């Protein structure tokens, strides 16, 4: 049997839900960060220097953005790739850590 306090609590919750008028609940904010290991950073720098030496620095205008880093968490590890503005892609995934 449900007690009087429990019934009052349920009624109060129902009223709170009604008063929200369909607004989504406010969820807590979480900060998610990704990073590179020293080994991955060195591999990226070596690749970028080789590209610069071969083709010159990529021109992408005043705001930059010549290189996009993509971090993809999976169930077994994190995939990391870098895409240059010219379409070339470098895989920085540390498969030994999987």
PDB file of N, CA and C in Angstrom:
ATOM      1  N   UNK A   1       0.844  -1.183   0.000  1.00  0.00           N
ATOM      2  CA  UNK A   1       0.000   0.000   0.000  1.00  0.00           C
ATOM      3  C   UNK A   1       0.889   1.247   0.000  1.00  0.00           C
ATOM      4  N   UNK A   2       0.504   2.227  -0.785  1.00  0.00           N
ATOM      5  CA  UNK A   2       1.269   3.463  -0.891  1.00  0.00           C
ATOM      6  C   UNK A   2       0.838   4.396   0.226  1.00  0.00           C
ATOM      7  N   UNK A   3       1.825   4.940   0.923  1.00  0.00           N
ATOM      8  CA  UNK A   3       1.534   5.840   2.031  1.00  0.00           C
ATOM      9  C   UNK A   3       1.130   7.230   1.559  1.00  0.00           C
ATOM     10  N   UNK A   4       0.577   8.005   2.507  1.00  0.00           N
ATOM     11  CA  UNK A   4       0.101   9.357   2.206  1.00  0.00           C
ATOM     12  C   UNK A   4       1.231  10.264   1.731  1.00  0.00           C
ATOM     13  N   UNK A   5       2.428  10.142   2.348  1.00  0.00           N
ATOM     14  CA  UNK A   5       3.568  10.964   1.944  1.00  0.00           C
ATOM     15  C   UNK A   5       3.979  10.665   0.509  1.00  0.00           C
ATOM     16  N   UNK A   6       3.975   9.372   0.158  1.00  0.00           N
ATOM     17  CA  UNK A   6       4.352   8.966  -1.196  1.00  0.00           C
ATOM     18  C   UNK A   6       3.370   9.536  -2.215  1.00  0.00           C
ATOM     19  N   UNK A   7       2.070   9.486  -1.911  1.00  0.00           N
ATOM     20  CA  UNK A   7       1.048  10.019  -2.809  1.00  0.00           C
ATOM     21  C   UNK A   7       1.234  11.528  -2.988  1.00  0.00           C
ATOM     22  N   UNK A   8       1.510  12.243  -1.909  1.00  0.00           N
ATOM     23  CA  UNK A   8       1.733  13.689  -1.995  1.00  0.00           C
ATOM     24  C   UNK A   8       2.961  14.004  -2.852  1.00  0.00           C
ATOM     25  N   UNK A   9       3.985  13.203  -2.696  1.00  0.00           N
ATOM     26  CA  UNK A   9       5.210  13.391  -3.482  1.00  0.00           C
ATOM     27  C   UNK A   9       4.928  13.188  -4.977  1.00  0.00           C
ATOM     28  N   UNK A  10       4.138  12.169  -5.291  1.00  0.00           N
ATOM     29  CA  UNK A  10       3.784  11.890  -6.690  1.00  0.00           C
ATOM     30  C   UNK A  10       2.947  13.032  -7.257  1.00  0.00           C
ATOM     31  N   UNK A  11       1.964  13.521  -6.489  1.00  0.00           N
ATOM     32  CA  UNK A  11       1.129  14.641  -6.931  1.00  0.00           C
ATOM     33  C   UNK A  11       1.978  15.887  -7.192  1.00  0.00           C
ATOM     34  N   UNK A  12       2.906  16.155  -6.293  1.00  0.00           N
ATOM     35  CA  UNK A  12       3.791  17.308  -6.455  1.00  0.00           C
ATOM     36  C   UNK A  12       4.614  17.177  -7.734  1.00  0.00           C
ATOM     37  N   UNK A  13       5.119  15.973  -7.996  1.00  0.00           N
ATOM     38  CA  UNK A  13       5.911  15.733  -9.209  1.00  0.00           C
ATOM     39  C   UNK A  13       5.055  15.950 -10.461  1.00  0.00           C
ATOM     40  N   UNK A  14       3.810  15.468 -10.429  1.00  0.00           N
ATOM     41  CA  UNK A  14       2.906  15.636 -11.574  1.00  0.00           C
ATOM     42  C   UNK A  14       2.666  17.119 -11.837  1.00  0.00           C
ATOM     43  N   UNK A  15       2.456  17.908 -10.792  1.00  0.00           N
ATOM     44  CA  UNK A  15       2.252  19.348 -10.947  1.00  0.00           C
ATOM     45  C   UNK A  15       3.500  20.027 -11.524  1.00  0.00           C
ATOM     46  N   UNK A  16       4.660  19.607 -11.066  1.00  0.00           N
ATOM     47  CA  UNK A  16       5.909  20.180 -11.591  1.00  0.00           C
ATOM     48  C   UNK A  16       6.051  19.891 -13.080  1.00  0.00           C
ATOM     49  N   UNK A  17       5.703  18.671 -13.470  1.00  0.00           N
ATOM     50  CA  UNK A  17       5.783  18.296 -14.884  1.00  0.00           C
ATOM     51  C   UNK A  17       4.792  19.125 -15.700  1.00  0.00           C
ATOM     52  N   UNK A  18       3.568  19.300 -15.188  1.00  0.00           N
ATOM     53  CA  UNK A  18       2.553  20.100 -15.893  1.00  0.00           C
ATOM     54  C   UNK A  18       3.015  21.549 -16.063  1.00  0.00           C
ATOM     55  N   UNK A  19       3.627  22.099 -15.052  1.00  0.00           N
ATOM     56  CA  UNK A  19       4.046  23.503 -15.081  1.00  0.00           C
ATOM     57  C   UNK A  19       5.228  23.771 -16.006  1.00  0.00           C
ATOM     58  N   UNK A  20       5.908  22.764 -16.414  1.00  0.00           N
ATOM     59  CA  UNK A  20       7.055  22.964 -17.327  1.00  0.00           C
ATOM     60  C   UNK A  20       6.605  23.262 -18.742  1.00  0.00           C
ATOM     61  N   UNK A  21       5.366  23.016 -19.047  1.00  0.00           N
ATOM     62  CA  UNK A  21       4.770  23.270 -20.363  1.00  0.00           C
ATOM     63  C   UNK A  21       5.606  22.709 -21.513  1.00  0.00           C
ATOM     64  N   UNK A  22       6.029  21.497 -21.380  1.00  0.00           N
ATOM     65  CA  UNK A  22       6.729  20.806 -22.453  1.00  0.00           C
ATOM     66  C   UNK A  22       8.184  21.161 -22.632  1.00  0.00           C
ATOM     67  N   UNK A  23       8.781  21.944 -21.744  1.00  0.00           N
ATOM     68  CA  UNK A  23      10.190  22.273 -21.874  1.00  0.00           C
ATOM     69  C   UNK A  23      11.043  21.044 -21.562  1.00  0.00           C
ATOM     70  N   UNK A  24      12.104  20.847 -22.307  1.00  0.00           N
ATOM     71  CA  UNK A  24      12.966  19.698 -22.017  1.00  0.00           C
ATOM     72  C   UNK A  24      13.662  19.877 -20.675  1.00  0.00           C
ATOM     73  N   UNK A  25      13.980  18.791 -20.025  1.00  0.00           N
ATOM     74  CA  UNK A  25      14.676  18.900 -18.743  1.00  0.00           C
ATOM     75  C   UNK A  25      16.076  19.470 -18.930  1.00  0.00           C
ATOM     76  N   UNK A  26      16.540  20.169 -17.942  1.00  0.00           N
ATOM     77  CA  UNK A  26      17.883  20.726 -17.987  1.00  0.00           C
ATOM     78  C   UNK A  26      18.850  19.627 -17.565  1.00  0.00           C
ATOM     79  N   UNK A  27      19.749  19.307 -18.448  1.00  0.00           N
ATOM     80  CA  UNK A  27      20.721  18.256 -18.167  1.00  0.00           C
ATOM     81  C   UNK A  27      22.022  18.868 -17.666  1.00  0.00           C
ATOM     82  N   UNK A  28      22.721  18.144 -16.823  1.00  0.00           N
ATOM     83  CA  UNK A  28      24.012  18.672 -16.358  1.00  0.00           C
ATOM     84  C   UNK A  28      24.998  18.761 -17.521  1.00  0.00           C
ATOM     85  N   UNK A  29      25.891  19.732 -17.447  1.00  0.00           N
ATOM     86  CA  UNK A  29      26.895  19.888 -18.493  1.00  0.00           C
ATOM     87  C   UNK A  29      28.107  19.016 -18.170  1.00  0.00           C
ATOM     88  N   UNK A  30      28.674  18.435 -19.202  1.00  0.00           N
ATOM     89  CA  UNK A  30      29.867  17.623 -19.057  1.00  0.00           C
ATOM     90  C   UNK A  30      30.939  18.163 -19.981  1.00  0.00           C
ATOM     91  N   UNK A  31      32.145  18.121 -19.544  1.00  0.00           N
ATOM     92  CA  UNK A  31      33.257  18.552 -20.379  1.00  0.00           C
ATOM     93  C   UNK A  31      33.994  17.309 -20.847  1.00  0.00           C
ATOM     94  N   UNK A  32      34.117  17.202 -22.149  1.00  0.00           N
ATOM     95  CA  UNK A  32      34.849  16.078 -22.729  1.00  0.00           C
ATOM     96  C   UNK A  32      36.044  16.653 -23.473  1.00  0.00           C
ATOM     97  N   UNK A  33      37.204  16.161 -23.152  1.00  0.00           N
ATOM     98  CA  UNK A  33      38.410  16.643 -23.828  1.00  0.00           C
ATOM     99  C   UNK A  33      39.153  15.475 -24.457  1.00  0.00           C
ATOM    100  N   UNK A  34      39.827  15.772 -25.527  1.00  0.00           N
ATOM    101  CA  UNK A  34      40.646  14.786 -26.216  1.00  0.00           C
ATOM    102  C   UNK A  34      42.046  15.359 -26.337  1.00  0.00           C
ATOM    103  N   UNK A  35      43.019  14.499 -26.449  1.00  0.00           N
ATOM    104  CA  UNK A  35      44.387  14.974 -26.575  1.00  0.00           C
ATOM    105  C   UNK A  35      45.253  14.006 -27.344  1.00  0.00           C
ATOM    106  N   UNK A  36      46.456  14.445 -27.586  1.00  0.00           N
ATOM    107  CA  UNK A  36      47.448  13.626 -28.283  1.00  0.00           C
ATOM    108  C   UNK A  36      48.551  13.242 -27.307  1.00  0.00           C
ATOM    109  N   UNK A  37      49.094  12.068 -27.519  1.00  0.00           N
ATOM    110  CA  UNK A  37      50.282  11.677 -26.768  1.00  0.00           C
ATOM    111  C   UNK A  37      51.486  12.371 -27.400  1.00  0.00           C
ATOM    112  N   UNK A  38      52.602  12.341 -26.714  1.00  0.00           N
ATOM    113  CA  UNK A  38      53.816  12.919 -27.274  1.00  0.00           C
ATOM    114  C   UNK A  38      54.198  12.252 -28.587  1.00  0.00           C
ATOM    115  N   UNK A  39      54.017  10.943 -28.649  1.00  0.00           N
ATOM    116  CA  UNK A  39      54.341  10.187 -29.859  1.00  0.00           C
ATOM    117  C   UNK A  39      53.447  10.623 -31.028  1.00  0.00           C
ATOM    118  N   UNK A  40      52.161  10.812 -30.749  1.00  0.00           N
ATOM    119  CA  UNK A  40      51.232  11.246 -31.796  1.00  0.00           C
ATOM    120  C   UNK A  40      51.564  12.663 -32.260  1.00  0.00           C
ATOM    121  N   UNK A  41      51.896  13.549 -31.324  1.00  0.00           N
ATOM    122  CA  UNK A  41      52.228  14.935 -31.670  1.00  0.00           C
ATOM    123  C   UNK A  41      53.472  14.986 -32.557  1.00  0.00           C
ATOM    124  N   UNK A  42      54.483  14.194 -32.216  1.00  0.00           N
ATOM    125  CA  UNK A  42      55.715  14.160 -33.021  1.00  0.00           C
ATOM    126  C   UNK A  42      55.430  13.640 -34.423  1.00  0.00           C
ATOM    127  N   UNK A  43      54.589  12.604 -34.528  1.00  0.00           N
ATOM    128  CA  UNK A  43      54.236  12.053 -35.841  1.00  0.00           C
ATOM    129  C   UNK A  43      53.500  13.104 -36.671  1.00  0.00           C
ATOM    130  N   UNK A  44      52.588  13.863 -36.051  1.00  0.00           N
ATOM    131  CA  UNK A  44      51.868  14.928 -36.742  1.00  0.00           C
ATOM    132  C   UNK A  44      52.835  16.015 -37.213  1.00  0.00           C
ATOM    133  N   UNK A  45      53.734  16.450 -36.336  1.00  0.00           N
ATOM    134  CA  UNK A  45      54.692  17.502 -36.684  1.00  0.00           C
ATOM    135  C   UNK A  45      55.591  17.068 -37.845  1.00  0.00           C
ATOM    136  N   UNK A  46      56.031  15.814 -37.815  1.00  0.00           N
ATOM    137  CA  UNK A  46      56.882  15.287 -38.888  1.00  0.00           C
ATOM    138  C   UNK A  46      56.109  15.291 -40.219  1.00  0.00           C
ATOM    139  N   UNK A  47      54.859  14.854 -40.194  1.00  0.00           N
ATOM    140  CA  UNK A  47      54.013  14.822 -41.394  1.00  0.00           C
ATOM    141  C   UNK A  47      53.772  16.226 -41.926  1.00  0.00           C
ATOM    142  N   UNK A  48      53.456  17.147 -41.014  1.00  0.00           N
ATOM    143  CA  UNK A  48      53.185  18.524 -41.427  1.00  0.00           C
ATOM    144  C   UNK A  48      54.433  19.172 -42.032  1.00  0.00           C
ATOM    145  N   UNK A  49      55.598  18.950 -41.414  1.00  0.00           N
ATOM    146  CA  UNK A  49      56.840  19.519 -41.957  1.00  0.00           C
ATOM    147  C   UNK A  49      57.144  18.945 -43.335  1.00  0.00           C
ATOM    148  N   UNK A  50      56.916  17.646 -43.520  1.00  0.00           N
ATOM    149  CA  UNK A  50      57.152  17.023 -44.821  1.00  0.00           C
ATOM    150  C   UNK A  50      56.206  17.607 -45.875  1.00  0.00           C
ATOM    151  N   UNK A  51      54.937  17.823 -45.516  1.00  0.00           N
ATOM    152  CA  UNK A  51      53.979  18.433 -46.445  1.00  0.00           C
ATOM    153  C   UNK A  51      54.417  19.848 -46.802  1.00  0.00           C
ATOM    154  N   UNK A  52      54.853  20.608 -45.793  1.00  0.00           N
ATOM    155  CA  UNK A  52      55.277  21.988 -46.011  1.00  0.00           C
ATOM    156  C   UNK A  52      56.496  22.039 -46.918  1.00  0.00           C
ATOM    157  N   UNK A  53      57.419  21.115 -46.686  1.00  0.00           N
ATOM    158  CA  UNK A  53      58.644  21.065 -47.488  1.00  0.00           C
ATOM    159  C   UNK A  53      58.317  20.727 -48.943  1.00  0.00           C
ATOM    160  N   UNK A  54      57.369  19.796 -49.126  1.00  0.00           N
ATOM    161  CA  UNK A  54      57.004  19.334 -50.460  1.00  0.00           C
ATOM    162  C   UNK A  54      56.129  20.353 -51.206  1.00  0.00           C
ATOM    163  N   UNK A  55      55.075  20.849 -50.550  1.00  0.00           N
ATOM    164  CA  UNK A  55      54.075  21.675 -51.224  1.00  0.00           C
ATOM    165  C   UNK A  55      54.031  23.123 -50.750  1.00  0.00           C
ATOM    166  N   UNK A  56      54.797  23.465 -49.739  1.00  0.00           N
ATOM    167  CA  UNK A  56      54.657  24.785 -49.127  1.00  0.00           C
ATOM    168  C   UNK A  56      53.507  24.748 -48.129  1.00  0.00           C
ATOM    169  N   UNK A  57      53.422  25.756 -47.285  1.00  0.00           N
ATOM    170  CA  UNK A  57      52.351  25.792 -46.278  1.00  0.00           C
ATOM    171  C   UNK A  57      51.002  25.933 -46.964  1.00  0.00           C
ATOM    172  N   UNK A  58      50.015  25.189 -46.493  1.00  0.00           N
ATOM    173  CA  UNK A  58      48.674  25.270 -47.066  1.00  0.00           C
ATOM    174  C   UNK A  58      48.075  26.636 -46.766  1.00  0.00           C
ATOM    175  N   UNK A  59      47.541  27.291 -47.791  1.00  0.00           N
ATOM    176  CA  UNK A  59      46.893  28.580 -47.577  1.00  0.00           C
ATOM    177  C   UNK A  59      45.399  28.349 -47.396  1.00  0.00           C
ATOM    178  N   UNK A  60      44.879  28.825 -46.278  1.00  0.00           N
ATOM    179  CA  UNK A  60      43.451  28.662 -46.002  1.00  0.00           C
ATOM    180  C   UNK A  60      42.810  29.976 -45.572  1.00  0.00           C
ATOM    181  N   UNK A  61      43.424  31.070 -45.875  1.00  0.00           N
ATOM    182  CA  UNK A  61      42.867  32.367 -45.525  1.00  0.00           C
ATOM    183  C   UNK A  61      43.361  32.862 -44.179  1.00  0.00           C
ATOM    184  N   UNK A  62      42.746  33.924 -43.734  1.00  0.00           N
ATOM    185  CA  UNK A  62      43.200  34.599 -42.525  1.00  0.00           C
ATOM    186  C   UNK A  62      42.895  33.834 -41.248  1.00  0.00           C
ATOM    187  N   UNK A  63      41.890  32.961 -41.267  1.00  0.00           N
ATOM    188  CA  UNK A  63      41.489  32.313 -40.020  1.00  0.00           C
ATOM    189  C   UNK A  63      42.176  30.979 -39.768  1.00  0.00           C
ATOM    190  N   UNK A  64      42.931  30.508 -40.709  1.00  0.00           N
ATOM    191  CA  UNK A  64      43.619  29.229 -40.521  1.00  0.00           C
ATOM    192  C   UNK A  64      42.691  28.049 -40.757  1.00  0.00           C
ATOM    193  N   UNK A  65      42.926  26.982 -40.040  1.00  0.00           N
ATOM    194  CA  UNK A  65      42.082  25.800 -40.205  1.00  0.00           C
ATOM    195  C   UNK A  65      42.601  24.842 -41.261  1.00  0.00           C
ATOM    196  N   UNK A  66      43.899  24.857 -41.502  1.00  0.00           N
ATOM    197  CA  UNK A  66      44.473  23.985 -42.520  1.00  0.00           C
ATOM    198  C   UNK A  66      44.421  22.512 -42.117  1.00  0.00           C
ATOM    199  N   UNK A  67      44.338  22.239 -40.817  1.00  0.00           N
ATOM    200  CA  UNK A  67      44.358  20.866 -40.324  1.00  0.00           C
ATOM    201  C   UNK A  67      43.206  20.651 -39.352  1.00  0.00           C
ATOM    202  N   UNK A  68      42.426  19.593 -39.582  1.00  0.00           N
ATOM    203  CA  UNK A  68      41.312  19.246 -38.706  1.00  0.00           C
ATOM    204  C   UNK A  68      41.624  17.923 -38.015  1.00  0.00           C
ATOM    205  N   UNK A  69      41.518  17.930 -36.697  1.00  0.00           N
ATOM    206  CA  UNK A  69      41.750  16.723 -35.909  1.00  0.00           C
ATOM    207  C   UNK A  69      40.409  16.068 -35.612  1.00  0.00           C
ATOM    208  N   UNK A  70      40.336  14.760 -35.821  1.00  0.00           N
ATOM    209  CA  UNK A  70      39.102  14.010 -35.575  1.00  0.00           C
ATOM    210  C   UNK A  70      39.392  12.929 -34.535  1.00  0.00           C
ATOM    211  N   UNK A  71      38.679  12.986 -33.404  1.00  0.00           N
ATOM    212  CA  UNK A  71      38.825  12.005 -32.334  1.00  0.00           C
ATOM    213  C   UNK A  71      37.544  11.187 -32.278  1.00  0.00           C
ATOM    214  N   UNK A  72      37.671   9.860 -32.414  1.00  0.00           N
ATOM    215  CA  UNK A  72      36.510   8.988 -32.414  1.00  0.00           C
ATOM    216  C   UNK A  72      36.664   7.929 -31.324  1.00  0.00           C
ATOM    217  N   UNK A  73      35.955   8.090 -30.195  1.00  0.00           N
ATOM    218  CA  UNK A  73      36.033   7.073 -29.146  1.00  0.00           C
ATOM    219  C   UNK A  73      35.285   5.812 -29.583  1.00  0.00           C
ATOM    220  N   UNK A  74      35.878   4.678 -29.344  1.00  0.00           N
ATOM    221  CA  UNK A  74      35.228   3.400 -29.644  1.00  0.00           C
ATOM    222  C   UNK A  74      35.272   2.550 -28.381  1.00  0.00           C
ATOM    223  N   UNK A  75      34.698   1.399 -28.443  1.00  0.00           N
ATOM    224  CA  UNK A  75      34.688   0.503 -27.297  1.00  0.00           C
ATOM    225  C   UNK A  75      36.051  -0.081 -26.976  1.00  0.00           C
ATOM    226  N   UNK A  76      36.969  -0.042 -27.918  1.00  0.00           N
ATOM    227  CA  UNK A  76      38.286  -0.659 -27.686  1.00  0.00           C
ATOM    228  C   UNK A  76      39.431   0.346 -27.677  1.00  0.00           C
ATOM    229  N   UNK A  77      39.167   1.572 -28.035  1.00  0.00           N
ATOM    230  CA  UNK A  77      40.219   2.589 -28.058  1.00  0.00           C
ATOM    231  C   UNK A  77      39.744   3.835 -28.775  1.00  0.00           C
ATOM    232  N   UNK A  78      40.632   4.774 -28.909  1.00  0.00           N
ATOM    233  CA  UNK A  78      40.293   6.056 -29.532  1.00  0.00           C
ATOM    234  C   UNK A  78      40.994   6.183 -30.879  1.00  0.00           C
ATOM    235  N   UNK A  79      40.207   6.413 -31.924  1.00  0.00           N
ATOM    236  CA  UNK A  79      40.784   6.633 -33.248  1.00  0.00           C
ATOM    237  C   UNK A  79      41.086   8.115 -33.390  1.00  0.00           C
ATOM    238  N   UNK A  80      42.246   8.443 -33.948  1.00  0.00           N
ATOM    239  CA  UNK A  80      42.651   9.834 -34.136  1.00  0.00           C
ATOM    240  C   UNK A  80      43.153  10.001 -35.560  1.00  0.00           C
ATOM    241  N   UNK A  81      42.561  10.952 -36.279  1.00  0.00           N
ATOM    242  CA  UNK A  81      43.029  11.262 -37.624  1.00  0.00           C
ATOM    243  C   UNK A  81      43.167  12.774 -37.763  1.00  0.00           C
ATOM    244  N   UNK A  82      44.013  13.169 -38.693  1.00  0.00           N
ATOM    245  CA  UNK A  82      44.177  14.579 -39.031  1.00  0.00           C
ATOM    246  C   UNK A  82      43.951  14.707 -40.528  1.00  0.00           C
ATOM    247  N   UNK A  83      43.099  15.661 -40.910  1.00  0.00           N
ATOM    248  CA  UNK A  83      42.839  15.899 -42.330  1.00  0.00           C
ATOM    249  C   UNK A  83      43.357  17.283 -42.689  1.00  0.00           C
ATOM    250  N   UNK A  84      44.202  17.322 -43.708  1.00  0.00           N
ATOM    251  CA  UNK A  84      44.721  18.597 -44.211  1.00  0.00           C
ATOM    252  C   UNK A  84      43.683  19.203 -45.157  1.00  0.00           C
ATOM    253  N   UNK A  85      43.760  20.501 -45.352  1.00  0.00           N
ATOM    254  CA  UNK A  85      42.811  21.200 -46.224  1.00  0.00           C
ATOM    255  C   UNK A  85      42.859  20.680 -47.659  1.00  0.00           C
ATOM    256  N   UNK A  86      43.977  20.074 -48.054  1.00  0.00           N
ATOM    257  CA  UNK A  86      44.079  19.527 -49.411  1.00  0.00           C
ATOM    258  C   UNK A  86      43.502  18.112 -49.512  1.00  0.00           C
ATOM    259  N   UNK A  87      42.944  17.580 -48.392  1.00  0.00           N
ATOM    260  CA  UNK A  87      42.297  16.271 -48.402  1.00  0.00           C
ATOM    261  C   UNK A  87      43.153  15.129 -47.903  1.00  0.00           C
ATOM    262  N   UNK A  88      44.448  15.334 -47.769  1.00  0.00           N
ATOM    263  CA  UNK A  88      45.320  14.268 -47.285  1.00  0.00           C
ATOM    264  C   UNK A  88      45.021  13.976 -45.818  1.00  0.00           C
ATOM    265  N   UNK A  89      45.028  12.680 -45.447  1.00  0.00           N
ATOM    266  CA  UNK A  89      44.677  12.271 -44.089  1.00  0.00           C
ATOM    267  C   UNK A  89      45.835  11.502 -43.462  1.00  0.00           C
ATOM    268  N   UNK A  90      46.104  11.810 -42.209  1.00  0.00           N
ATOM    269  CA  UNK A  90      47.124  11.102 -41.422  1.00  0.00           C
ATOM    270  C   UNK A  90      46.413  10.377 -40.288  1.00  0.00           C
ATOM    271  N   UNK A  91      46.668   9.080 -40.145  1.00  0.00           N
ATOM    272  CA  UNK A  91      46.111   8.290 -39.051  1.00  0.00           C
ATOM    273  C   UNK A  91      47.081   8.336 -37.871  1.00  0.00           C
ATOM    274  N   UNK A  92      46.629   8.906 -36.750  1.00  0.00           N
ATOM    275  CA  UNK A  92      47.459   8.991 -35.550  1.00  0.00           C
ATOM    276  C   UNK A  92      47.023   7.997 -34.471  1.00  0.00           C
ATOM    277  N   UNK A  93      46.116   7.100 -34.806  1.00  0.00           N
ATOM    278  CA  UNK A  93      45.594   6.148 -33.830  1.00  0.00           C
ATOM    279  C   UNK A  93      46.721   5.314 -33.231  1.00  0.00           C
ATOM    280  N   UNK A  94      46.727   5.220 -31.904  1.00  0.00           N
ATOM    281  CA  UNK A  94      47.729   4.419 -31.193  1.00  0.00           C
ATOM    282  C   UNK A  94      47.162   3.014 -30.994  1.00  0.00           C
ATOM    283  N   UNK A  95      47.299   2.155 -32.014  1.00  0.00           N
ATOM    284  CA  UNK A  95      46.716   0.830 -31.962  1.00  0.00           C
ATOM    285  C   UNK A  95      47.357  -0.042 -30.877  1.00  0.00           C
ATOM    286  N   UNK A  96      48.574   0.276 -30.460  1.00  0.00           N
ATOM    287  CA  UNK A  96      49.226  -0.490 -29.393  1.00  0.00           C
ATOM    288  C   UNK A  96      48.506  -0.297 -28.065  1.00  0.00           C
ATOM    289  N   UNK A  97      47.764   0.797 -27.907  1.00  0.00           N
ATOM    290  CA  UNK A  97      47.056   1.070 -26.662  1.00  0.00           C
ATOM    291  C   UNK A  97      45.693   0.369 -26.618  1.00  0.00           C
ATOM    292  N   UNK A  98      45.284  -0.269 -27.702  1.00  0.00           N
ATOM    293  CA  UNK A  98      43.983  -0.939 -27.735  1.00  0.00           C
ATOM    294  C   UNK A  98      44.047  -2.263 -27.044  1.00  0.00           C
TER     295      UNK A  98
END
